[in-house]
Amino acid sequence: MALTSRMSSRLPYLALVLLTGAAVAPFLLLSYYNHPFMDDYYNAANVRTTGLWAQQIELYLRWTGRFSSSLLVTAANPIIYGWYEGFRWTPALTLLATLGTLYLGLRTLSQQRLPRAQAALAAAIFLLFYLHMIPEPYSAIYWFTGSIVYHVAGLALLLVFIASERARWATQTWQRRRWQAGAAICAVMAAAANEMTLLHLLLGLALVLGVKGYRRQWPQMRWWSTLLLLTLVVAVVTVVAPGNYVRMQFEGYAKEQGRANLVRQVLTAVPGVPGAMARLLVRRGLALKLVLPTLLWLPTILHWQRRGWLGTSIRLPWAWGAFFMLASYALSMLLFLGVMRQMPPDRAINGLLLFLFPTALLVIWAALAQRPAAVAWQLPAWLWRWGPVVYVGVFSLLGIPRRAWQELLLSAPAYDQQLLAREAQLRAAWSQGVEHVVVKPILGVKPYRVLITEWELTTEPGHYINSETALYFDVKSIVIDKQLIPQANPGFHYY
């Protein structure tokens, strides 16, 4: 009887683990069918022509000041080294890095009181809701260049605060120095990856520094002041890059070159920020998608509080955290409206949510951690045990895990075979003296907008997707065969 009772009490937890594992699995397995795309080819072609370090200088002077992401999208690009199969590994590594960062964050915030198994399970569920929330999982995880510039940069941002907290309560000097060095490296990576992550890092460091000063925690203030100063130095190097202004004029974001004109352009965008914030929340049901994980997070965090797992790492009044989150959101939107004069693209929204989503959950964590005693209210035992299982199960059936499985089983193998045949045709074109290549569209494949999206080569040889791909394969032009487009799924954009 005792054994039967113990098994039945653990059954909901085991069911939740199996459901979550089955929901995460297709995203990892889809990595096997991943291929280079657009800027992946372009960056590799430029490095092949100019060399790795010369390309960094060229990018800084004529394209962007994002020197850390510029280095990674070139130096870590697998096809630069002839490792074409490397693109089958990079998405899986990105997903595992995300899970590892979330796990480390939960364990750190709880001061290692939260059991490892529960931290790992919570990290996997967080990842599922994040993938469901963002408008385009492809550019966050599977597209190498987009993943480096926004998603990996976002992970580095989270690691700045995680490593700093680990350093604070490290018992040995060498451990503290190691974590501090990691935090400093991640700060440089995050600040120099893209302007939005830089903004979030500056705001986050300023908030923490202000809290430490308010509480007169002088030793900790020295560390946070050092990180903030380092980030400001990186910000100056990034913002003053000549390439920023060359690119803005090239892409039509700025009518006139010059920092004064840019400041004026940003200020004129201020009145439009509240409306843009509201539109983004309405866009694709984002407000509802933010509510879904919160409904699961509230009882979870209450349960952890009663178990004594919250720790005291963050004891911030919820109003402070909410104001910080709102200010960060507003300034992010101002950045895009003022500089790009448009709503943020999907890949930037991915990075924005990687910061705002955990921040919203941390506000709840901090509000409960600040309370001197656990909240007395609790769910009925049966609802607490089986509620998360049903919730994650229904979400997996109706949300993005279902689409991921459909894409994995129904579309990905045929998609992979056709891309392999296309790439073989393009590699053979140069040796055969073919300068203008006509390739088939993807046939018999439906995009489910996980790995396989609407983005494809087009029928226009001058389109940037076509020209960047042609540059890598040493041909003058690449186009999609117009006559075969009616046979392709309308979900692809062939123009």
Protein backbone atom coordinates (compact mmCIF):
# COMPACT_ATOMS: atom_id res chain seq x y z
CA MET A 1 0.00 0.00 0.00
CA ALA A 2 2.76 2.41 0.91
CA LEU A 3 4.49 1.84 -2.45
CA THR A 4 1.22 2.34 -4.35
CA SER A 5 0.48 5.53 -2.44
CA ARG A 6 3.95 6.90 -3.13
CA MET A 7 3.70 6.12 -6.85
CA SER A 8 0.29 7.78 -7.13
CA SER A 9 1.58 10.91 -5.38
CA ARG A 10 4.47 11.18 -7.86
CA LEU A 11 2.36 10.38 -10.91
CA PRO A 12 1.33 14.01 -11.68
CA TYR A 13 4.94 15.17 -11.51
CA LEU A 14 6.14 12.38 -13.78
CA ALA A 15 3.33 13.10 -16.23
CA LEU A 16 4.32 16.78 -16.29
CA VAL A 17 7.96 15.86 -16.97
CA LEU A 18 6.97 13.56 -19.85
CA LEU A 19 4.58 16.12 -21.35
CA THR A 20 7.19 18.88 -21.17
CA GLY A 21 9.89 16.66 -22.64
CA ALA A 22 7.61 15.68 -25.52
CA ALA A 23 6.81 19.36 -26.14
CA VAL A 24 10.47 20.45 -26.18
CA ALA A 25 11.72 17.50 -28.25
CA PRO A 26 10.51 18.62 -31.73
CA PHE A 27 12.30 21.96 -31.48
CA LEU A 28 15.57 20.15 -30.82
CA LEU A 29 14.93 17.57 -33.55
CA LEU A 30 14.07 20.24 -36.12
CA SER A 31 17.65 21.46 -35.79
CA TYR A 32 18.71 18.51 -37.95
CA TYR A 33 16.89 20.05 -40.93
CA ASN A 34 18.32 23.55 -40.55
CA HIS A 35 20.27 25.28 -43.37
CA PRO A 36 22.14 28.59 -43.82
CA PHE A 37 20.12 31.53 -45.02
CA MET A 38 20.62 35.07 -46.30
CA ASP A 39 23.15 36.88 -44.04
CA ASP A 40 24.74 33.55 -43.13
CA TYR A 41 25.89 33.25 -46.75
CA TYR A 42 26.70 36.95 -47.07
CA ASN A 43 28.94 37.10 -43.99
CA ALA A 44 30.79 33.95 -45.02
CA ALA A 45 31.37 35.31 -48.52
CA ASN A 46 32.76 38.59 -47.18
CA VAL A 47 35.12 36.86 -44.76
CA ARG A 48 36.32 34.64 -47.60
CA THR A 49 37.08 37.77 -49.65
CA THR A 50 38.58 40.13 -47.06
CA GLY A 51 39.62 37.95 -44.13
CA LEU A 52 38.08 37.72 -40.67
CA TRP A 53 39.70 40.71 -38.95
CA ALA A 54 39.54 42.99 -41.97
CA GLN A 55 35.84 42.24 -42.11
CA GLN A 56 35.40 43.44 -38.51
CA ILE A 57 36.93 46.79 -39.43
CA GLU A 58 34.81 47.01 -42.58
CA LEU A 59 31.61 46.33 -40.64
CA TYR A 60 32.45 48.89 -37.94
CA LEU A 61 33.28 51.61 -40.45
CA ARG A 62 30.61 50.97 -43.07
CA TRP A 63 27.73 49.00 -41.56
CA THR A 64 27.31 48.71 -37.78
CA GLY A 65 28.90 49.36 -34.40
CA ARG A 66 27.69 46.02 -33.03
CA PHE A 67 31.20 44.66 -32.75
CA SER A 68 30.49 41.63 -30.53
CA SER A 69 27.67 40.26 -32.70
CA SER A 70 29.66 41.17 -35.83
CA LEU A 71 32.52 39.03 -34.56
CA LEU A 72 30.30 36.08 -33.66
CA VAL A 73 28.22 36.02 -36.87
CA THR A 74 31.46 35.80 -38.82
CA ALA A 75 33.98 33.93 -36.65
CA ALA A 76 31.41 31.39 -35.39
CA ASN A 77 29.73 30.90 -38.77
CA PRO A 78 30.22 27.18 -39.59
CA ILE A 79 30.35 27.55 -43.38
CA ILE A 80 33.37 29.85 -43.14
CA TYR A 81 35.28 26.72 -42.17
CA GLY A 82 33.57 24.50 -44.74
CA TRP A 83 31.50 22.85 -42.02
CA TYR A 84 28.13 22.96 -43.75
CA GLU A 85 26.64 20.42 -41.37
CA GLY A 86 27.36 22.82 -38.51
CA PHE A 87 24.04 24.52 -39.16
CA ARG A 88 22.34 21.33 -38.01
CA TRP A 89 23.94 21.82 -34.59
CA THR A 90 23.71 25.56 -33.94
CA PRO A 91 19.93 25.68 -33.22
CA ALA A 92 20.16 22.75 -30.81
CA LEU A 93 23.06 24.42 -29.02
CA THR A 94 21.06 27.67 -28.83
CA LEU A 95 18.07 25.86 -27.33
CA LEU A 96 20.27 24.04 -24.80
CA ALA A 97 22.02 27.32 -23.92
CA THR A 98 18.61 28.88 -23.30
CA LEU A 99 17.55 26.02 -21.05
CA GLY A 100 20.89 26.19 -19.22
CA THR A 101 20.62 29.94 -18.67
CA LEU A 102 17.06 29.68 -17.34
CA TYR A 103 18.01 26.77 -15.09
CA LEU A 104 21.02 28.62 -13.72
CA GLY A 105 18.90 31.72 -13.17
CA LEU A 106 16.26 29.85 -11.16
CA ARG A 107 18.85 28.07 -9.07
CA THR A 108 20.72 31.32 -8.44
CA LEU A 109 17.67 33.38 -7.51
CA SER A 110 16.58 30.69 -5.06
CA GLN A 111 20.14 30.56 -3.68
CA GLN A 112 20.17 26.90 -4.71
CA ARG A 113 17.17 26.08 -2.53
CA LEU A 114 15.00 25.18 -5.50
CA PRO A 115 15.63 21.49 -6.30
CA ARG A 116 17.53 20.84 -9.52
CA ALA A 117 14.76 18.75 -11.06
CA GLN A 118 12.13 21.44 -10.44
CA ALA A 119 14.43 24.16 -11.77
CA ALA A 120 15.07 22.16 -14.96
CA LEU A 121 11.35 21.48 -15.43
CA ALA A 122 10.44 25.13 -14.86
CA ALA A 123 13.12 26.23 -17.34
CA ALA A 124 11.72 23.90 -20.03
CA ILE A 125 8.15 25.15 -19.47
CA PHE A 126 9.41 28.76 -19.60
CA LEU A 127 11.07 28.00 -22.95
CA LEU A 128 7.84 26.55 -24.35
CA PHE A 129 5.84 29.64 -23.43
CA TYR A 130 8.55 31.91 -24.79
CA LEU A 131 8.57 30.10 -28.15
CA HIS A 132 4.79 30.36 -28.25
CA MET A 133 4.90 34.07 -27.40
CA ILE A 134 7.45 35.33 -29.91
CA PRO A 135 6.26 36.13 -33.45
CA GLU A 136 8.99 34.15 -35.22
CA PRO A 137 10.81 31.20 -33.60
CA TYR A 138 12.90 30.77 -36.76
CA SER A 139 14.83 34.02 -36.39
CA ALA A 140 15.27 33.48 -32.64
CA ILE A 141 16.62 29.94 -32.77
CA TYR A 142 17.23 28.54 -36.24
CA TRP A 143 18.51 31.46 -38.32
CA PHE A 144 22.14 31.68 -37.23
CA THR A 145 22.68 35.41 -37.78
CA GLY A 146 19.40 36.51 -36.21
CA SER A 147 19.92 34.18 -33.27
CA ILE A 148 23.37 35.62 -32.52
CA VAL A 149 22.35 39.26 -32.82
CA TYR A 150 19.24 39.08 -30.65
CA HIS A 151 18.73 35.78 -28.84
CA VAL A 152 22.28 34.98 -27.78
CA ALA A 153 22.71 38.65 -26.87
CA GLY A 154 19.61 38.35 -24.66
CA LEU A 155 21.04 35.30 -22.93
CA ALA A 156 24.27 37.20 -22.29
CA LEU A 157 22.22 40.01 -20.75
CA LEU A 158 20.51 37.60 -18.35
CA LEU A 159 23.87 36.04 -17.47
CA VAL A 160 25.28 39.43 -16.42
CA PHE A 161 22.88 39.52 -13.48
CA ILE A 162 23.01 35.78 -12.78
CA ALA A 163 26.83 35.71 -12.64
CA SER A 164 26.93 38.87 -10.52
CA GLU A 165 24.60 37.31 -7.97
CA ARG A 166 26.67 34.12 -7.96
CA ALA A 167 29.78 36.21 -7.33
CA ARG A 168 28.08 37.98 -4.43
CA TRP A 169 27.58 34.87 -2.37
CA ALA A 170 30.63 32.89 -3.54
CA THR A 171 32.61 31.68 -0.52
CA GLN A 172 36.05 31.47 -2.14
CA THR A 173 37.98 34.26 -3.84
CA TRP A 174 38.71 32.30 -7.01
CA GLN A 175 35.02 31.48 -7.41
CA ARG A 176 34.03 35.12 -6.96
CA ARG A 177 36.63 36.29 -9.50
CA ARG A 178 35.51 33.67 -12.00
CA TRP A 179 31.86 34.73 -11.79
CA GLN A 180 32.79 38.40 -11.95
CA ALA A 181 34.91 37.80 -15.05
CA GLY A 182 31.97 35.94 -16.63
CA ALA A 183 29.62 38.82 -15.82
CA ALA A 184 32.01 41.36 -17.34
CA ILE A 185 32.46 39.33 -20.55
CA CYS A 186 28.68 38.89 -20.88
CA ALA A 187 28.19 42.64 -20.31
CA VAL A 188 30.50 43.44 -23.21
CA MET A 189 28.82 40.83 -25.42
CA ALA A 190 25.30 42.05 -24.61
CA ALA A 191 26.08 45.77 -24.85
CA ALA A 192 27.86 45.46 -28.21
CA ALA A 193 25.37 43.02 -29.78
CA ASN A 194 22.46 45.34 -30.58
CA GLU A 195 21.12 48.67 -29.40
CA MET A 196 18.03 47.29 -27.67
CA THR A 197 20.02 44.88 -25.50
CA LEU A 198 22.42 47.71 -24.69
CA LEU A 199 19.49 49.84 -23.55
CA HIS A 200 18.09 47.05 -21.36
CA LEU A 201 21.47 46.41 -19.79
CA LEU A 202 22.01 50.08 -18.96
CA LEU A 203 18.55 50.35 -17.43
CA GLY A 204 18.95 47.13 -15.46
CA LEU A 205 22.33 48.09 -14.07
CA ALA A 206 21.06 51.56 -13.16
CA LEU A 207 18.08 50.04 -11.32
CA VAL A 208 20.21 47.59 -9.34
CA LEU A 209 22.74 50.30 -8.52
CA GLY A 210 19.93 52.58 -7.34
CA VAL A 211 18.50 49.86 -5.10
CA LYS A 212 21.91 49.10 -3.61
CA GLY A 213 22.48 52.80 -2.95
CA TYR A 214 19.03 53.21 -1.38
CA ARG A 215 19.82 50.32 0.97
CA ARG A 216 23.37 51.60 1.56
CA GLN A 217 24.99 48.35 0.48
CA TRP A 218 28.30 50.02 -0.34
CA PRO A 219 30.48 46.95 -1.15
CA GLN A 220 27.94 45.76 -3.69
CA MET A 221 27.65 49.24 -5.15
CA ARG A 222 31.31 49.14 -6.15
CA TRP A 223 30.77 46.06 -8.27
CA TRP A 224 27.61 47.35 -9.96
CA SER A 225 29.26 50.73 -10.56
CA THR A 226 32.15 48.95 -12.27
CA LEU A 227 29.77 47.01 -14.52
CA LEU A 228 27.81 50.14 -15.37
CA LEU A 229 31.00 52.04 -16.23
CA LEU A 230 32.19 49.16 -18.44
CA THR A 231 28.83 49.10 -20.22
CA LEU A 232 28.93 52.86 -20.77
CA VAL A 233 32.38 52.58 -22.37
CA VAL A 234 31.12 49.83 -24.68
CA ALA A 235 28.04 51.95 -25.43
CA VAL A 236 30.22 54.87 -26.56
CA VAL A 237 32.34 52.64 -28.79
CA THR A 238 29.18 51.12 -30.27
CA VAL A 239 27.13 54.27 -30.78
CA VAL A 240 29.88 56.45 -32.31
CA ALA A 241 30.74 53.83 -34.95
CA PRO A 242 30.76 55.48 -38.40
CA GLY A 243 29.03 52.43 -39.83
CA ASN A 244 25.83 53.18 -37.90
CA TYR A 245 25.22 56.40 -39.80
CA VAL A 246 26.30 54.95 -43.15
CA ARG A 247 23.80 52.12 -42.69
CA MET A 248 21.00 54.41 -41.56
CA GLN A 249 21.34 56.51 -44.69
CA PHE A 250 21.68 53.44 -46.90
CA GLU A 251 18.50 51.87 -45.49
CA GLY A 252 16.64 55.18 -45.43
CA TYR A 253 16.30 55.49 -41.65
CA ALA A 254 17.95 58.92 -41.56
CA LYS A 255 17.52 61.65 -44.14
CA GLU A 256 20.71 63.41 -43.10
CA GLN A 257 23.92 62.09 -41.64
CA GLY A 258 24.89 63.38 -38.22
CA ARG A 259 24.25 62.69 -34.54
CA ALA A 260 22.33 65.93 -33.97
CA ASN A 261 19.87 65.05 -36.72
CA LEU A 262 19.44 61.59 -35.21
CA VAL A 263 18.63 63.04 -31.78
CA ARG A 264 16.06 65.36 -33.34
CA GLN A 265 14.53 62.42 -35.20
CA VAL A 266 14.22 60.42 -31.97
CA LEU A 267 12.59 63.30 -30.07
CA THR A 268 9.94 63.74 -32.72
CA ALA A 269 8.95 60.08 -32.27
CA VAL A 270 8.14 60.43 -28.54
CA PRO A 271 4.38 61.19 -28.97
CA GLY A 272 3.87 57.99 -30.95
CA VAL A 273 5.36 55.66 -28.33
CA PRO A 274 2.21 54.92 -26.22
CA GLY A 275 0.20 53.99 -29.30
CA ALA A 276 3.01 51.76 -30.60
CA MET A 277 3.22 50.00 -27.23
CA ALA A 278 -0.50 49.27 -27.30
CA ARG A 279 -0.40 48.06 -30.92
CA LEU A 280 2.39 45.63 -30.19
CA LEU A 281 0.46 44.10 -27.29
CA VAL A 282 -2.57 43.61 -29.51
CA ARG A 283 -0.47 42.28 -32.39
CA ARG A 284 -0.93 38.50 -32.79
CA GLY A 285 -2.55 38.24 -29.37
CA LEU A 286 0.64 39.09 -27.50
CA ALA A 287 -1.23 40.39 -24.42
CA LEU A 288 -3.05 37.06 -24.08
CA LYS A 289 0.17 35.13 -24.63
CA LEU A 290 1.71 37.03 -21.71
CA VAL A 291 -1.23 36.10 -19.48
CA LEU A 292 -1.02 32.35 -20.19
CA PRO A 293 2.32 31.65 -18.42
CA THR A 294 1.41 34.04 -15.60
CA LEU A 295 -1.60 31.88 -14.72
CA LEU A 296 0.74 28.93 -14.24
CA TRP A 297 3.52 30.97 -12.62
CA LEU A 298 1.36 32.40 -9.79
CA PRO A 299 0.46 29.08 -8.10
CA THR A 300 3.97 27.77 -8.80
CA ILE A 301 5.67 30.68 -7.07
CA LEU A 302 3.25 30.44 -4.13
CA HIS A 303 4.09 26.76 -3.80
CA TRP A 304 7.82 27.53 -3.86
CA GLN A 305 7.34 30.21 -1.23
CA ARG A 306 5.62 27.78 1.15
CA ARG A 307 8.47 25.35 0.63
CA GLY A 308 11.02 28.08 1.41
CA TRP A 309 12.59 27.96 -2.04
CA LEU A 310 12.35 31.60 -3.10
CA GLY A 311 15.48 32.80 -1.34
CA THR A 312 16.24 36.45 -0.68
CA SER A 313 18.23 37.35 -3.79
CA ILE A 314 15.63 39.84 -4.98
CA ARG A 315 13.46 41.74 -2.53
CA LEU A 316 12.27 44.56 -4.70
CA PRO A 317 8.91 46.32 -4.19
CA TRP A 318 6.70 45.15 -7.04
CA ALA A 319 5.93 48.73 -8.03
CA TRP A 320 9.63 49.40 -8.66
CA GLY A 321 9.91 46.36 -10.90
CA ALA A 322 6.70 47.17 -12.75
CA PHE A 323 7.82 50.76 -13.38
CA PHE A 324 11.20 49.53 -14.61
CA MET A 325 9.54 47.07 -16.98
CA LEU A 326 7.22 49.75 -18.34
CA ALA A 327 10.10 52.23 -18.81
CA SER A 328 12.20 49.59 -20.56
CA TYR A 329 9.34 48.73 -22.90
CA ALA A 330 8.67 52.40 -23.70
CA LEU A 331 12.31 53.24 -24.40
CA SER A 332 12.68 50.15 -26.59
CA MET A 333 9.75 51.25 -28.71
CA LEU A 334 11.16 54.79 -28.87
CA LEU A 335 14.43 53.34 -30.14
CA PHE A 336 12.71 51.72 -33.11
CA LEU A 337 10.29 54.52 -33.84
CA GLY A 338 12.99 57.17 -33.54
CA VAL A 339 15.81 55.41 -35.37
CA MET A 340 14.10 53.02 -37.80
CA ARG A 341 10.87 55.03 -37.99
CA GLN A 342 8.81 51.84 -37.87
CA MET A 343 7.55 49.14 -35.54
CA PRO A 344 10.25 46.65 -34.50
CA PRO A 345 10.74 43.68 -36.84
CA ASP A 346 9.91 40.19 -35.60
CA ARG A 347 13.52 39.29 -34.80
CA ALA A 348 13.78 42.37 -32.54
CA ILE A 349 10.48 41.54 -30.82
CA ASN A 350 11.97 38.13 -30.05
CA GLY A 351 14.83 39.82 -28.21
CA LEU A 352 12.52 42.31 -26.50
CA LEU A 353 10.38 39.51 -25.07
CA LEU A 354 13.43 37.58 -23.91
CA PHE A 355 14.01 40.50 -21.55
CA LEU A 356 10.47 41.66 -20.70
CA PHE A 357 8.95 38.19 -20.18
CA PRO A 358 11.36 37.06 -17.43
CA THR A 359 11.27 40.56 -15.95
CA ALA A 360 7.49 40.29 -15.55
CA LEU A 361 7.85 36.92 -13.83
CA LEU A 362 10.62 38.30 -11.59
CA VAL A 363 8.33 41.12 -10.45
CA ILE A 364 5.96 38.45 -9.08
CA TRP A 365 8.89 36.55 -7.53
CA ALA A 366 10.22 39.70 -5.88
CA ALA A 367 6.80 40.73 -4.56
CA LEU A 368 6.38 37.39 -2.78
CA ALA A 369 10.00 37.12 -1.66
CA GLN A 370 9.60 40.48 0.07
CA ARG A 371 6.77 39.20 2.26
CA PRO A 372 7.93 38.14 5.74
CA ALA A 373 5.60 35.13 5.80
CA ALA A 374 4.22 32.75 3.23
CA VAL A 375 0.80 33.49 1.76
CA ALA A 376 -1.82 31.39 3.53
CA TRP A 377 -4.05 30.97 0.47
CA GLN A 378 -3.47 27.81 -1.52
CA LEU A 379 -5.08 25.69 -4.21
CA PRO A 380 -6.85 22.42 -3.40
CA ALA A 381 -4.36 19.54 -3.37
CA TRP A 382 -5.90 17.78 -6.36
CA LEU A 383 -5.89 20.98 -8.43
CA TRP A 384 -2.30 21.78 -7.57
CA ARG A 385 -1.14 18.26 -8.43
CA TRP A 386 -3.00 17.81 -11.72
CA GLY A 387 -3.65 21.41 -12.77
CA PRO A 388 -0.16 22.02 -14.26
CA VAL A 389 -0.33 18.68 -16.08
CA VAL A 390 -3.63 19.57 -17.74
CA TYR A 391 -2.50 23.15 -18.43
CA VAL A 392 0.77 22.15 -20.14
CA GLY A 393 -0.99 19.28 -21.91
CA VAL A 394 -3.68 21.51 -23.41
CA PHE A 395 -1.08 24.13 -24.30
CA SER A 396 1.07 21.51 -26.05
CA LEU A 397 -1.95 20.25 -27.98
CA LEU A 398 -3.15 23.69 -29.11
CA GLY A 399 0.02 25.80 -29.06
CA ILE A 400 3.35 25.82 -30.81
CA PRO A 401 4.51 22.30 -29.74
CA ARG A 402 1.78 20.87 -31.95
CA ARG A 403 2.98 22.93 -34.92
CA ALA A 404 6.56 21.86 -34.24
CA TRP A 405 5.59 18.19 -34.33
CA GLN A 406 3.57 18.70 -37.52
CA GLU A 407 6.49 20.42 -39.19
CA LEU A 408 8.93 17.77 -38.01
CA LEU A 409 6.83 14.84 -39.24
CA LEU A 410 5.09 16.29 -42.31
CA SER A 411 7.36 18.95 -43.83
CA ALA A 412 10.93 18.94 -42.58
CA PRO A 413 12.35 15.84 -44.38
CA ALA A 414 11.11 16.96 -47.83
CA TYR A 415 12.25 20.52 -47.11
CA ASP A 416 15.72 19.28 -46.20
CA GLN A 417 16.05 17.09 -49.31
CA GLN A 418 15.06 19.92 -51.65
CA LEU A 419 17.45 22.39 -50.04
CA LEU A 420 20.28 19.87 -50.28
CA ALA A 421 19.54 19.40 -53.99
CA ARG A 422 19.40 23.18 -54.50
CA GLU A 423 22.70 23.74 -52.70
CA ALA A 424 24.35 20.98 -54.76
CA GLN A 425 23.07 22.70 -57.93
CA LEU A 426 24.47 26.05 -56.78
CA ARG A 427 27.87 24.59 -55.87
CA ALA A 428 28.10 22.90 -59.27
CA ALA A 429 27.15 26.06 -61.18
CA TRP A 430 30.52 27.76 -60.80
CA SER A 431 32.52 24.76 -62.05
CA GLN A 432 30.12 24.38 -64.99
CA GLY A 433 30.44 28.04 -65.97
CA VAL A 434 26.78 28.84 -65.23
CA GLU A 435 26.48 32.46 -64.10
CA HIS A 436 22.69 32.87 -63.91
CA VAL A 437 21.06 30.02 -61.99
CA VAL A 438 17.34 29.17 -61.97
CA VAL A 439 16.30 26.96 -59.05
CA LYS A 440 13.05 25.24 -58.17
CA PRO A 441 10.78 26.57 -55.44
CA ILE A 442 10.10 24.36 -52.44
CA LEU A 443 7.39 21.94 -53.60
CA GLY A 444 5.04 19.79 -51.58
CA VAL A 445 6.00 21.43 -48.28
CA LYS A 446 3.79 23.44 -45.95
CA PRO A 447 5.49 26.00 -43.68
CA TYR A 448 4.28 25.76 -40.08
CA ARG A 449 6.32 28.84 -39.09
CA VAL A 450 8.70 27.11 -36.70
CA LEU A 451 11.81 26.17 -38.69
CA ILE A 452 10.10 26.52 -42.07
CA THR A 453 8.77 30.05 -42.55
CA GLU A 454 7.58 32.11 -45.51
CA TRP A 455 11.11 33.41 -46.18
CA GLU A 456 12.61 32.05 -49.39
CA LEU A 457 14.58 33.02 -52.48
CA THR A 458 12.51 35.16 -54.84
CA THR A 459 11.87 35.60 -58.54
CA GLU A 460 13.80 38.89 -58.52
CA PRO A 461 17.58 38.44 -59.04
CA GLY A 462 18.31 41.80 -57.41
CA HIS A 463 16.46 40.99 -54.20
CA TYR A 464 18.86 41.02 -51.26
CA ILE A 465 18.10 37.42 -50.28
CA ASN A 466 19.02 36.27 -53.80
CA SER A 467 22.07 38.50 -54.19
CA GLU A 468 23.54 37.53 -50.81
CA THR A 469 23.15 33.85 -51.62
CA ALA A 470 24.63 34.33 -55.11
CA LEU A 471 27.66 36.06 -53.62
CA TYR A 472 28.53 33.01 -51.55
CA PHE A 473 28.13 30.54 -54.44
CA ASP A 474 30.15 32.73 -56.86
CA VAL A 475 27.38 33.18 -59.42
CA LYS A 476 25.99 36.43 -60.81
CA SER A 477 22.33 35.78 -60.05
CA ILE A 478 19.90 33.28 -58.60
CA VAL A 479 16.15 33.26 -59.22
CA ILE A 480 13.22 30.99 -58.51
CA ASP A 481 11.58 29.37 -61.55
CA LYS A 482 8.37 31.38 -62.00
CA GLN A 483 6.63 28.63 -63.94
CA LEU A 484 6.76 26.28 -60.95
CA ILE A 485 5.51 28.75 -58.33
CA PRO A 486 1.81 27.75 -58.73
CA GLN A 487 2.84 24.26 -57.53
CA ALA A 488 4.40 25.64 -54.31
CA ASN A 489 2.55 26.24 -51.07
CA PRO A 490 1.19 29.80 -50.95
CA GLY A 491 2.70 30.15 -47.50
CA PHE A 492 6.08 30.85 -49.09
CA HIS A 493 6.83 34.40 -50.31
CA TYR A 494 8.26 34.09 -53.82
CA TYR A 495 7.05 37.55 -54.98
